Amino acid sequence: MTMQQLKTLKILLILSACLLVGMVTAFLLKPTQVDVKASGHKLGGDFTLTSSAGPVSLSDFKGKVVAIYIGYASCPDVCPTALAVLSQAVRNLQAEQRDQVQGIFISVDPERDTPEKLAQYTQFFSDRLIGVTGSREQIDRVVRQYGAFYRVVALDDSALGYAVDHSSRLYLIDRDGELAGTLIHNSTPTELSSWLQRLLAD
């Protein structure tokens, strides 16, 4: 084998290794979905928080499929992304299916996110989405129920004053009010639509 052939082989081996690393990385970073029923996790459950129209409980929507997202209205990136995915996923459904889906946006920032503000914020995304919040104690209880987390972070050089670091998942609730699965915020609308259709068919 000539030196040129050896050089070419070496380049091909390096390129193949890079391709393999890229494929493994893409697989590991792919948005994951979790079937909570299959995994045996005991998360979820009913709760009552407040919307602009008054108290809202998860049990109010029994018989429908519910998608819950926990965040806050001043969130600059992941919250709008998740709610945009949710609104597009619902639009992908047939009209009679859309009527059987309810989105709930839970704010962990009650100091800034009044129920009235949340009503305006959620309507920007979808009329199938309702915004709710509550006291710090009520919010913390729901966050624990769903295995989520958040923490307030001071922003000394910002007019906002503080931001809120938080987990970013869509929680999918079946017709019986049970947590059926979760998707991370940057899943595609098609992935979420498939989950919703599966739960609607059950």
N, C-alpha and C. Protein backbone atom coordinates (compact mmCIF):
# COMPACT_ATOMS: atom_id res chain seq x y z
N MET A 1 0.85 -1.20 0.00
CA MET A 1 0.00 0.00 0.00
C MET A 1 0.89 1.25 0.00
N THR A 2 0.61 2.18 -0.89
CA THR A 2 1.43 3.37 -1.02
C THR A 2 1.15 4.35 0.11
N MET A 3 2.04 5.33 0.25
CA MET A 3 1.86 6.35 1.28
C MET A 3 0.57 7.14 1.05
N GLN A 4 0.27 7.40 -0.23
CA GLN A 4 -0.94 8.16 -0.55
C GLN A 4 -2.19 7.38 -0.14
N GLN A 5 -2.18 6.06 -0.40
CA GLN A 5 -3.32 5.21 -0.02
C GLN A 5 -3.48 5.16 1.50
N LEU A 6 -2.32 5.07 2.21
CA LEU A 6 -2.37 5.08 3.67
C LEU A 6 -2.95 6.37 4.21
N LYS A 7 -2.55 7.48 3.58
CA LYS A 7 -3.05 8.79 3.99
C LYS A 7 -4.56 8.89 3.78
N THR A 8 -5.01 8.40 2.61
CA THR A 8 -6.44 8.42 2.29
C THR A 8 -7.23 7.55 3.27
N LEU A 9 -6.68 6.36 3.59
CA LEU A 9 -7.34 5.47 4.54
C LEU A 9 -7.45 6.11 5.91
N LYS A 10 -6.37 6.78 6.31
CA LYS A 10 -6.38 7.45 7.61
C LYS A 10 -7.46 8.52 7.68
N ILE A 11 -7.57 9.31 6.60
CA ILE A 11 -8.60 10.36 6.54
C ILE A 11 -10.00 9.76 6.62
N LEU A 12 -10.21 8.64 5.89
CA LEU A 12 -11.53 7.99 5.90
C LEU A 12 -11.87 7.46 7.29
N LEU A 13 -10.87 6.91 7.98
CA LEU A 13 -11.10 6.40 9.33
C LEU A 13 -11.46 7.53 10.29
N ILE A 14 -10.77 8.66 10.15
CA ILE A 14 -11.08 9.82 11.01
C ILE A 14 -12.48 10.33 10.74
N LEU A 15 -12.84 10.44 9.45
CA LEU A 15 -14.18 10.91 9.10
C LEU A 15 -15.26 9.96 9.61
N SER A 16 -14.98 8.66 9.51
CA SER A 16 -15.94 7.66 10.00
C SER A 16 -16.13 7.78 11.50
N ALA A 17 -15.01 7.99 12.22
CA ALA A 17 -15.09 8.15 13.67
C ALA A 17 -15.89 9.39 14.04
N CYS A 18 -15.66 10.49 13.31
CA CYS A 18 -16.41 11.73 13.58
C CYS A 18 -17.89 11.53 13.32
N LEU A 19 -18.22 10.80 12.23
CA LEU A 19 -19.62 10.54 11.92
C LEU A 19 -20.28 9.72 13.01
N LEU A 20 -19.55 8.71 13.51
CA LEU A 20 -20.09 7.86 14.57
C LEU A 20 -20.34 8.67 15.85
N VAL A 21 -19.37 9.52 16.20
CA VAL A 21 -19.54 10.37 17.38
C VAL A 21 -20.75 11.29 17.22
N GLY A 22 -20.91 11.86 16.02
CA GLY A 22 -22.04 12.74 15.76
C GLY A 22 -23.37 12.03 15.88
N MET A 23 -23.43 10.79 15.37
CA MET A 23 -24.67 10.02 15.45
C MET A 23 -25.02 9.68 16.89
N VAL A 24 -24.01 9.29 17.67
CA VAL A 24 -24.24 8.97 19.08
C VAL A 24 -24.71 10.20 19.84
N THR A 25 -24.05 11.35 19.57
CA THR A 25 -24.43 12.60 20.24
C THR A 25 -25.86 12.99 19.90
N ALA A 26 -26.21 12.88 18.62
CA ALA A 26 -27.58 13.23 18.19
C ALA A 26 -28.61 12.34 18.87
N PHE A 27 -28.26 11.06 19.01
CA PHE A 27 -29.18 10.14 19.68
C PHE A 27 -29.37 10.49 21.15
N LEU A 28 -28.25 10.80 21.82
CA LEU A 28 -28.31 11.12 23.25
C LEU A 28 -29.03 12.42 23.52
N LEU A 29 -28.92 13.38 22.60
CA LEU A 29 -29.54 14.70 22.81
C LEU A 29 -30.95 14.78 22.26
N LYS A 30 -31.42 13.71 21.62
CA LYS A 30 -32.77 13.73 21.04
C LYS A 30 -33.79 13.94 22.15
N PRO A 31 -34.81 14.81 21.92
CA PRO A 31 -35.85 14.99 22.93
C PRO A 31 -36.45 13.66 23.33
N THR A 32 -36.54 13.42 24.61
CA THR A 32 -37.03 12.14 25.08
C THR A 32 -38.45 12.25 25.59
N GLN A 33 -39.18 11.17 25.46
CA GLN A 33 -40.51 11.10 26.02
C GLN A 33 -40.52 9.97 27.03
N VAL A 34 -41.26 10.16 28.08
CA VAL A 34 -41.30 9.18 29.15
C VAL A 34 -42.73 8.72 29.35
N ASP A 35 -42.94 7.43 29.30
CA ASP A 35 -44.25 6.88 29.62
C ASP A 35 -44.26 6.61 31.12
N VAL A 36 -44.93 7.48 31.85
CA VAL A 36 -44.90 7.39 33.31
C VAL A 36 -45.59 6.12 33.80
N LYS A 37 -46.63 5.70 33.12
CA LYS A 37 -47.32 4.48 33.53
C LYS A 37 -46.38 3.28 33.43
N ALA A 38 -45.61 3.24 32.36
CA ALA A 38 -44.70 2.12 32.16
C ALA A 38 -43.53 2.18 33.13
N SER A 39 -43.08 3.39 33.47
CA SER A 39 -41.91 3.52 34.32
C SER A 39 -42.22 3.32 35.81
N GLY A 40 -43.50 3.43 36.14
CA GLY A 40 -43.89 3.19 37.53
C GLY A 40 -43.72 4.39 38.45
N HIS A 41 -43.39 5.54 37.92
CA HIS A 41 -43.23 6.73 38.75
C HIS A 41 -44.59 7.16 39.30
N LYS A 42 -44.62 7.57 40.56
CA LYS A 42 -45.87 8.00 41.17
C LYS A 42 -45.90 9.52 41.22
N LEU A 43 -46.13 10.13 40.10
CA LEU A 43 -46.19 11.59 40.00
C LEU A 43 -47.57 12.01 39.56
N GLY A 44 -47.84 13.31 39.70
CA GLY A 44 -49.10 13.86 39.22
C GLY A 44 -50.15 13.96 40.32
N GLY A 45 -51.39 14.12 39.90
CA GLY A 45 -52.49 14.24 40.84
C GLY A 45 -53.24 15.56 40.68
N ASP A 46 -54.38 15.62 41.32
CA ASP A 46 -55.25 16.80 41.20
C ASP A 46 -54.65 17.99 41.95
N PHE A 47 -55.04 19.17 41.54
CA PHE A 47 -54.63 20.41 42.21
C PHE A 47 -55.66 21.47 41.89
N THR A 48 -55.65 22.53 42.65
CA THR A 48 -56.52 23.68 42.40
C THR A 48 -55.68 24.94 42.47
N LEU A 49 -55.69 25.73 41.39
CA LEU A 49 -55.02 27.02 41.33
C LEU A 49 -56.03 28.05 40.81
N THR A 50 -55.56 29.26 40.54
CA THR A 50 -56.50 30.34 40.22
C THR A 50 -56.23 30.91 38.82
N SER A 51 -57.29 31.03 38.04
CA SER A 51 -57.24 31.68 36.73
C SER A 51 -57.97 33.02 36.83
N SER A 52 -58.01 33.75 35.74
CA SER A 52 -58.72 35.03 35.74
C SER A 52 -60.23 34.83 35.93
N ALA A 53 -60.70 33.62 35.66
CA ALA A 53 -62.13 33.33 35.83
C ALA A 53 -62.44 32.67 37.17
N GLY A 54 -61.41 32.45 38.00
CA GLY A 54 -61.64 31.83 39.29
C GLY A 54 -60.86 30.54 39.45
N PRO A 55 -61.19 29.75 40.48
CA PRO A 55 -60.46 28.52 40.75
C PRO A 55 -60.54 27.53 39.58
N VAL A 56 -59.42 26.86 39.32
CA VAL A 56 -59.34 25.84 38.29
C VAL A 56 -58.68 24.61 38.90
N SER A 57 -59.34 23.46 38.76
CA SER A 57 -58.78 22.19 39.23
C SER A 57 -58.51 21.29 38.03
N LEU A 58 -57.51 20.46 38.15
CA LEU A 58 -57.26 19.49 37.09
C LEU A 58 -58.48 18.61 36.87
N SER A 59 -59.15 18.26 37.96
CA SER A 59 -60.33 17.39 37.88
C SER A 59 -61.48 18.02 37.09
N ASP A 60 -61.44 19.34 36.89
CA ASP A 60 -62.46 20.00 36.08
C ASP A 60 -62.46 19.47 34.65
N PHE A 61 -61.32 18.93 34.22
CA PHE A 61 -61.15 18.51 32.83
C PHE A 61 -61.14 16.99 32.67
N LYS A 62 -61.65 16.29 33.68
CA LYS A 62 -61.71 14.84 33.58
C LYS A 62 -62.55 14.45 32.36
N GLY A 63 -62.07 13.50 31.60
CA GLY A 63 -62.72 13.14 30.34
C GLY A 63 -62.01 13.75 29.14
N LYS A 64 -61.13 14.73 29.41
CA LYS A 64 -60.31 15.33 28.36
C LYS A 64 -58.85 14.95 28.58
N VAL A 65 -58.05 15.17 27.54
CA VAL A 65 -56.61 15.02 27.66
C VAL A 65 -56.04 16.40 27.99
N VAL A 66 -55.15 16.46 28.99
CA VAL A 66 -54.62 17.74 29.44
C VAL A 66 -53.10 17.75 29.27
N ALA A 67 -52.58 18.88 28.79
CA ALA A 67 -51.14 19.10 28.71
C ALA A 67 -50.79 20.25 29.65
N ILE A 68 -49.91 19.99 30.62
CA ILE A 68 -49.54 20.99 31.62
C ILE A 68 -48.10 21.44 31.37
N TYR A 69 -47.88 22.75 31.48
CA TYR A 69 -46.51 23.26 31.44
C TYR A 69 -46.32 24.19 32.63
N ILE A 70 -45.18 24.06 33.32
CA ILE A 70 -44.88 24.86 34.51
C ILE A 70 -43.75 25.82 34.17
N GLY A 71 -44.01 27.13 34.27
CA GLY A 71 -43.01 28.13 33.94
C GLY A 71 -43.42 29.50 34.45
N TYR A 72 -43.12 30.53 33.66
CA TYR A 72 -43.55 31.88 34.05
C TYR A 72 -43.57 32.78 32.81
N ALA A 73 -44.39 33.82 32.84
CA ALA A 73 -44.66 34.62 31.65
C ALA A 73 -43.48 35.46 31.20
N SER A 74 -42.57 35.82 32.10
CA SER A 74 -41.40 36.62 31.72
C SER A 74 -40.25 35.76 31.21
N CYS A 75 -40.43 34.48 31.14
CA CYS A 75 -39.41 33.55 30.65
C CYS A 75 -39.04 33.92 29.21
N PRO A 76 -37.75 34.09 28.93
CA PRO A 76 -37.36 34.59 27.61
C PRO A 76 -37.31 33.55 26.51
N ASP A 77 -37.24 32.26 26.84
CA ASP A 77 -36.99 31.30 25.76
C ASP A 77 -37.77 29.99 25.89
N VAL A 78 -37.48 29.18 26.92
CA VAL A 78 -38.06 27.83 26.93
C VAL A 78 -39.58 27.82 27.09
N CYS A 79 -40.13 28.74 27.86
CA CYS A 79 -41.59 28.77 28.02
C CYS A 79 -42.30 29.11 26.71
N PRO A 80 -41.91 30.18 26.01
CA PRO A 80 -42.55 30.44 24.73
C PRO A 80 -42.38 29.29 23.74
N THR A 81 -41.21 28.64 23.77
CA THR A 81 -40.98 27.51 22.87
C THR A 81 -41.95 26.38 23.18
N ALA A 82 -42.07 26.03 24.46
CA ALA A 82 -42.96 24.93 24.85
C ALA A 82 -44.41 25.24 24.52
N LEU A 83 -44.85 26.46 24.78
CA LEU A 83 -46.25 26.82 24.52
C LEU A 83 -46.53 26.90 23.03
N ALA A 84 -45.53 27.31 22.24
CA ALA A 84 -45.69 27.32 20.79
C ALA A 84 -45.80 25.89 20.25
N VAL A 85 -44.99 24.98 20.80
CA VAL A 85 -45.08 23.58 20.41
C VAL A 85 -46.46 23.02 20.77
N LEU A 86 -46.93 23.34 21.96
CA LEU A 86 -48.24 22.86 22.39
C LEU A 86 -49.35 23.40 21.49
N SER A 87 -49.32 24.69 21.20
CA SER A 87 -50.39 25.28 20.39
C SER A 87 -50.39 24.70 18.98
N GLN A 88 -49.20 24.48 18.40
CA GLN A 88 -49.13 23.90 17.05
C GLN A 88 -49.57 22.45 17.07
N ALA A 89 -49.19 21.72 18.11
CA ALA A 89 -49.61 20.32 18.21
C ALA A 89 -51.13 20.20 18.27
N VAL A 90 -51.77 21.09 19.00
CA VAL A 90 -53.23 21.07 19.09
C VAL A 90 -53.85 21.45 17.74
N ARG A 91 -53.25 22.43 17.06
CA ARG A 91 -53.76 22.80 15.73
C ARG A 91 -53.63 21.66 14.74
N ASN A 92 -52.65 20.78 14.96
CA ASN A 92 -52.46 19.64 14.05
C ASN A 92 -53.57 18.60 14.17
N LEU A 93 -54.33 18.65 15.26
CA LEU A 93 -55.39 17.67 15.48
C LEU A 93 -56.62 18.03 14.67
N GLN A 94 -57.49 17.06 14.49
CA GLN A 94 -58.78 17.32 13.87
C GLN A 94 -59.65 18.14 14.83
N ALA A 95 -60.63 18.85 14.27
CA ALA A 95 -61.43 19.78 15.07
C ALA A 95 -62.08 19.11 16.27
N GLU A 96 -62.64 17.90 16.07
CA GLU A 96 -63.31 17.22 17.18
C GLU A 96 -62.30 16.75 18.23
N GLN A 97 -61.06 16.51 17.81
CA GLN A 97 -60.02 16.14 18.77
C GLN A 97 -59.57 17.35 19.57
N ARG A 98 -59.46 18.49 18.92
CA ARG A 98 -59.03 19.71 19.61
C ARG A 98 -59.95 20.05 20.77
N ASP A 99 -61.23 19.80 20.60
CA ASP A 99 -62.20 20.10 21.65
C ASP A 99 -62.00 19.21 22.88
N GLN A 100 -61.25 18.12 22.72
CA GLN A 100 -61.03 17.19 23.83
C GLN A 100 -59.67 17.35 24.48
N VAL A 101 -58.98 18.46 24.14
CA VAL A 101 -57.64 18.72 24.69
C VAL A 101 -57.65 20.06 25.41
N GLN A 102 -57.05 20.11 26.59
CA GLN A 102 -56.93 21.35 27.36
C GLN A 102 -55.48 21.56 27.77
N GLY A 103 -54.95 22.74 27.50
CA GLY A 103 -53.62 23.09 27.97
C GLY A 103 -53.71 23.94 29.23
N ILE A 104 -52.81 23.70 30.17
CA ILE A 104 -52.74 24.48 31.41
C ILE A 104 -51.31 24.97 31.60
N PHE A 105 -51.16 26.29 31.70
CA PHE A 105 -49.86 26.90 31.97
C PHE A 105 -49.85 27.34 33.43
N ILE A 106 -48.97 26.74 34.22
CA ILE A 106 -48.88 27.05 35.65
C ILE A 106 -47.70 27.99 35.86
N SER A 107 -47.96 29.18 36.37
CA SER A 107 -46.87 30.13 36.64
C SER A 107 -46.33 29.96 38.05
N VAL A 108 -44.99 29.90 38.14
CA VAL A 108 -44.32 29.84 39.44
C VAL A 108 -43.82 31.23 39.85
N ASP A 109 -44.38 32.26 39.22
CA ASP A 109 -43.97 33.65 39.49
C ASP A 109 -45.21 34.48 39.84
N PRO A 110 -45.88 34.16 40.96
CA PRO A 110 -47.14 34.84 41.28
C PRO A 110 -46.98 36.33 41.56
N GLU A 111 -45.78 36.76 41.94
CA GLU A 111 -45.56 38.19 42.21
C GLU A 111 -45.77 39.03 40.95
N ARG A 112 -45.39 38.50 39.80
CA ARG A 112 -45.55 39.25 38.55
C ARG A 112 -46.70 38.74 37.70
N ASP A 113 -46.97 37.45 37.80
CA ASP A 113 -47.99 36.84 36.92
C ASP A 113 -49.34 36.77 37.62
N THR A 114 -50.11 37.83 37.50
CA THR A 114 -51.47 37.80 38.02
C THR A 114 -52.32 36.92 37.11
N PRO A 115 -53.44 36.43 37.61
CA PRO A 115 -54.33 35.65 36.74
C PRO A 115 -54.73 36.40 35.48
N GLU A 116 -54.93 37.72 35.60
CA GLU A 116 -55.32 38.52 34.43
C GLU A 116 -54.19 38.59 33.41
N LYS A 117 -52.97 38.76 33.89
CA LYS A 117 -51.82 38.78 32.99
C LYS A 117 -51.66 37.43 32.29
N LEU A 118 -51.85 36.35 33.04
CA LEU A 118 -51.73 35.02 32.46
C LEU A 118 -52.80 34.75 31.41
N ALA A 119 -53.98 35.30 31.61
CA ALA A 119 -55.05 35.14 30.61
C ALA A 119 -54.64 35.76 29.29
N GLN A 120 -54.06 36.95 29.34
CA GLN A 120 -53.60 37.61 28.11
C GLN A 120 -52.44 36.85 27.49
N TYR A 121 -51.51 36.40 28.32
CA TYR A 121 -50.32 35.71 27.83
C TYR A 121 -50.69 34.40 27.13
N THR A 122 -51.53 33.60 27.75
CA THR A 122 -51.85 32.29 27.17
C THR A 122 -52.69 32.42 25.90
N GLN A 123 -53.55 33.43 25.83
CA GLN A 123 -54.38 33.60 24.64
C GLN A 123 -53.56 33.94 23.41
N PHE A 124 -52.37 34.48 23.64
CA PHE A 124 -51.47 34.76 22.52
C PHE A 124 -51.08 33.46 21.81
N PHE A 125 -51.05 32.36 22.55
CA PHE A 125 -50.64 31.08 21.98
C PHE A 125 -51.82 30.26 21.48
N SER A 126 -52.87 30.13 22.31
CA SER A 126 -53.97 29.24 21.92
C SER A 126 -55.19 29.49 22.79
N ASP A 127 -56.37 29.34 22.20
CA ASP A 127 -57.60 29.44 23.00
C ASP A 127 -57.88 28.13 23.74
N ARG A 128 -57.00 27.12 23.52
CA ARG A 128 -57.11 25.86 24.26
C ARG A 128 -56.16 25.84 25.44
N LEU A 129 -55.65 27.01 25.82
CA LEU A 129 -54.67 27.12 26.89
C LEU A 129 -55.17 28.08 27.96
N ILE A 130 -55.08 27.67 29.22
CA ILE A 130 -55.50 28.53 30.33
C ILE A 130 -54.30 28.73 31.26
N GLY A 131 -54.16 29.96 31.77
CA GLY A 131 -53.07 30.28 32.69
C GLY A 131 -53.56 30.32 34.13
N VAL A 132 -52.80 29.69 35.02
CA VAL A 132 -53.19 29.65 36.44
C VAL A 132 -51.96 29.88 37.32
N THR A 133 -52.20 30.34 38.52
CA THR A 133 -51.16 30.48 39.53
C THR A 133 -51.81 30.40 40.90
N GLY A 134 -51.07 30.71 41.94
CA GLY A 134 -51.63 30.63 43.28
C GLY A 134 -50.66 31.17 44.30
N SER A 135 -50.88 30.82 45.54
CA SER A 135 -49.94 31.22 46.58
C SER A 135 -48.66 30.42 46.41
N ARG A 136 -47.59 30.89 47.06
CA ARG A 136 -46.32 30.17 46.97
C ARG A 136 -46.48 28.74 47.49
N GLU A 137 -47.26 28.57 48.54
CA GLU A 137 -47.48 27.24 49.10
C GLU A 137 -48.21 26.34 48.11
N GLN A 138 -49.24 26.87 47.46
CA GLN A 138 -49.98 26.08 46.48
C GLN A 138 -49.09 25.69 45.30
N ILE A 139 -48.31 26.64 44.82
CA ILE A 139 -47.42 26.37 43.69
C ILE A 139 -46.39 25.31 44.04
N ASP A 140 -45.78 25.45 45.21
CA ASP A 140 -44.76 24.49 45.62
C ASP A 140 -45.33 23.08 45.74
N ARG A 141 -46.58 22.98 46.17
CA ARG A 141 -47.20 21.67 46.29
C ARG A 141 -47.35 21.01 44.92
N VAL A 142 -47.79 21.79 43.93
CA VAL A 142 -47.96 21.24 42.58
C VAL A 142 -46.60 20.88 41.97
N VAL A 143 -45.61 21.73 42.18
CA VAL A 143 -44.26 21.46 41.67
C VAL A 143 -43.75 20.13 42.23
N ARG A 144 -43.94 19.89 43.51
CA ARG A 144 -43.50 18.63 44.12
C ARG A 144 -44.30 17.45 43.55
N GLN A 145 -45.61 17.65 43.39
CA GLN A 145 -46.45 16.57 42.86
C GLN A 145 -45.96 16.06 41.52
N TYR A 146 -45.47 16.98 40.70
CA TYR A 146 -45.11 16.62 39.33
C TYR A 146 -43.60 16.44 39.14
N GLY A 147 -42.85 16.45 40.23
CA GLY A 147 -41.43 16.20 40.12
C GLY A 147 -40.69 17.30 39.38
N ALA A 148 -41.23 18.51 39.40
CA ALA A 148 -40.60 19.65 38.74
C ALA A 148 -39.74 20.41 39.75
N PHE A 149 -39.10 21.48 39.30
CA PHE A 149 -38.36 22.34 40.22
C PHE A 149 -38.29 23.75 39.67
N TYR A 150 -38.02 24.71 40.56
CA TYR A 150 -37.75 26.09 40.15
C TYR A 150 -36.98 26.77 41.26
N ARG A 151 -36.29 27.83 40.92
CA ARG A 151 -35.65 28.67 41.93
C ARG A 151 -35.52 30.08 41.38
N VAL A 152 -35.71 31.05 42.24
CA VAL A 152 -35.61 32.47 41.87
C VAL A 152 -34.14 32.89 41.90
N VAL A 153 -33.73 33.56 40.82
CA VAL A 153 -32.33 33.99 40.69
C VAL A 153 -32.30 35.51 40.54
N ALA A 154 -31.60 36.20 41.43
CA ALA A 154 -31.50 37.66 41.37
C ALA A 154 -30.72 38.10 40.14
N LEU A 155 -31.22 39.16 39.49
CA LEU A 155 -30.53 39.77 38.34
C LEU A 155 -30.21 41.21 38.71
N ASP A 156 -29.04 41.43 39.24
CA ASP A 156 -28.68 42.75 39.76
C ASP A 156 -28.62 43.83 38.69
N ASP A 157 -28.25 43.45 37.48
CA ASP A 157 -28.08 44.44 36.41
C ASP A 157 -29.23 44.44 35.41
N SER A 158 -30.39 43.94 35.82
CA SER A 158 -31.53 43.86 34.92
C SER A 158 -32.74 44.56 35.51
N ALA A 159 -33.52 45.18 34.62
CA ALA A 159 -34.75 45.84 35.07
C ALA A 159 -35.77 44.82 35.58
N LEU A 160 -35.62 43.56 35.15
CA LEU A 160 -36.55 42.53 35.61
C LEU A 160 -36.39 42.25 37.11
N GLY A 161 -35.18 42.45 37.62
CA GLY A 161 -34.95 42.22 39.05
C GLY A 161 -34.58 40.78 39.37
N TYR A 162 -35.25 39.83 38.76
CA TYR A 162 -34.96 38.43 38.98
C TYR A 162 -35.49 37.59 37.82
N ALA A 163 -34.92 36.42 37.67
CA ALA A 163 -35.42 35.42 36.74
C ALA A 163 -35.78 34.18 37.54
N VAL A 164 -36.36 33.20 36.87
CA VAL A 164 -36.71 31.96 37.54
C VAL A 164 -36.15 30.79 36.72
N ASP A 165 -35.18 30.10 37.30
CA ASP A 165 -34.71 28.85 36.69
C ASP A 165 -35.75 27.78 36.98
N HIS A 166 -36.08 26.98 35.97
CA HIS A 166 -37.10 25.96 36.21
C HIS A 166 -36.93 24.80 35.25
N SER A 167 -37.48 23.66 35.65
CA SER A 167 -37.51 22.51 34.76
C SER A 167 -38.44 22.83 33.60
N SER A 168 -38.29 22.09 32.52
CA SER A 168 -39.06 22.44 31.32
C SER A 168 -39.60 21.18 30.65
N ARG A 169 -40.76 20.77 31.12
CA ARG A 169 -41.41 19.59 30.55
C ARG A 169 -42.90 19.82 30.36
N LEU A 170 -43.43 19.16 29.36
CA LEU A 170 -44.87 19.11 29.16
C LEU A 170 -45.37 17.82 29.82
N TYR A 171 -46.33 17.97 30.72
CA TYR A 171 -46.89 16.84 31.45
C TYR A 171 -48.22 16.46 30.80
N LEU A 172 -48.34 15.22 30.38
CA LEU A 172 -49.51 14.78 29.64
C LEU A 172 -50.42 13.95 30.54
N ILE A 173 -51.65 14.40 30.65
CA ILE A 173 -52.63 13.81 31.56
C ILE A 173 -53.71 13.12 30.74
N ASP A 174 -54.02 11.87 31.10
CA ASP A 174 -55.03 11.13 30.33
C ASP A 174 -56.44 11.52 30.77
N ARG A 175 -57.42 10.90 30.15
CA ARG A 175 -58.82 11.24 30.40
C ARG A 175 -59.25 10.97 31.84
N ASP A 176 -58.52 10.10 32.52
CA ASP A 176 -58.86 9.78 33.92
C ASP A 176 -58.15 10.69 34.91
N GLY A 177 -57.40 11.68 34.41
CA GLY A 177 -56.71 12.60 35.30
C GLY A 177 -55.37 12.09 35.79
N GLU A 178 -54.85 11.02 35.16
CA GLU A 178 -53.59 10.43 35.59
C GLU A 178 -52.45 10.91 34.68
N LEU A 179 -51.29 11.13 35.28
CA LEU A 179 -50.12 11.52 34.50
C LEU A 179 -49.68 10.34 33.64
N ALA A 180 -49.72 10.51 32.32
CA ALA A 180 -49.42 9.43 31.39
C ALA A 180 -48.02 9.49 30.83
N GLY A 181 -47.42 10.68 30.76
CA GLY A 181 -46.09 10.81 30.20
C GLY A 181 -45.64 12.26 30.20
N THR A 182 -44.37 12.46 29.86
CA THR A 182 -43.81 13.80 29.77
C THR A 182 -42.98 13.95 28.51
N LEU A 183 -42.89 15.17 28.03
CA LEU A 183 -42.03 15.53 26.90
C LEU A 183 -41.25 16.77 27.27
N ILE A 184 -39.99 16.86 26.84
CA ILE A 184 -39.25 18.08 27.11
C ILE A 184 -39.71 19.18 26.16
N HIS A 185 -39.40 20.44 26.52
CA HIS A 185 -40.01 21.59 25.86
C HIS A 185 -39.69 21.69 24.38
N ASN A 186 -38.53 21.18 23.92
CA ASN A 186 -38.19 21.32 22.51
C ASN A 186 -38.49 20.09 21.70
N SER A 187 -39.42 19.26 22.17
CA SER A 187 -39.97 18.22 21.33
C SER A 187 -40.73 18.89 20.18
N THR A 188 -40.94 18.16 19.11
CA THR A 188 -41.61 18.75 17.96
C THR A 188 -43.13 18.70 18.14
N PRO A 189 -43.86 19.59 17.46
CA PRO A 189 -45.32 19.52 17.51
C PRO A 189 -45.84 18.16 17.04
N THR A 190 -45.14 17.56 16.07
CA THR A 190 -45.56 16.24 15.58
C THR A 190 -45.46 15.19 16.66
N GLU A 191 -44.37 15.23 17.43
CA GLU A 191 -44.21 14.28 18.55
C GLU A 191 -45.33 14.46 19.57
N LEU A 192 -45.62 15.71 19.91
CA LEU A 192 -46.66 15.97 20.90
C LEU A 192 -48.03 15.59 20.35
N SER A 193 -48.30 15.89 19.08
CA SER A 193 -49.57 15.50 18.47
C SER A 193 -49.78 13.99 18.54
N SER A 194 -48.72 13.24 18.30
CA SER A 194 -48.81 11.77 18.35
C SER A 194 -49.19 11.31 19.75
N TRP A 195 -48.58 11.92 20.77
CA TRP A 195 -48.93 11.59 22.15
C TRP A 195 -50.39 11.92 22.44
N LEU A 196 -50.82 13.10 22.02
CA LEU A 196 -52.20 13.51 22.28
C LEU A 196 -53.19 12.57 21.60
N GLN A 197 -52.89 12.20 20.36
CA GLN A 197 -53.78 11.28 19.64
C GLN A 197 -53.84 9.92 20.31
N ARG A 198 -52.70 9.47 20.81
CA ARG A 198 -52.67 8.19 21.52
C ARG A 198 -53.53 8.24 22.77
N LEU A 199 -53.45 9.33 23.53
CA LEU A 199 -54.24 9.44 24.75
C LEU A 199 -55.72 9.65 24.43
N LEU A 200 -56.01 10.35 23.36
CA LEU A 200 -57.40 10.53 22.96
C LEU A 200 -58.05 9.22 22.53
N ALA A 201 -57.24 8.33 21.99
CA ALA A 201 -57.76 7.04 21.50
C ALA A 201 -57.99 6.05 22.63
N ASP A 202 -57.35 6.27 23.77
CA ASP A 202 -57.48 5.32 24.90
C ASP A 202 -58.87 5.37 25.51
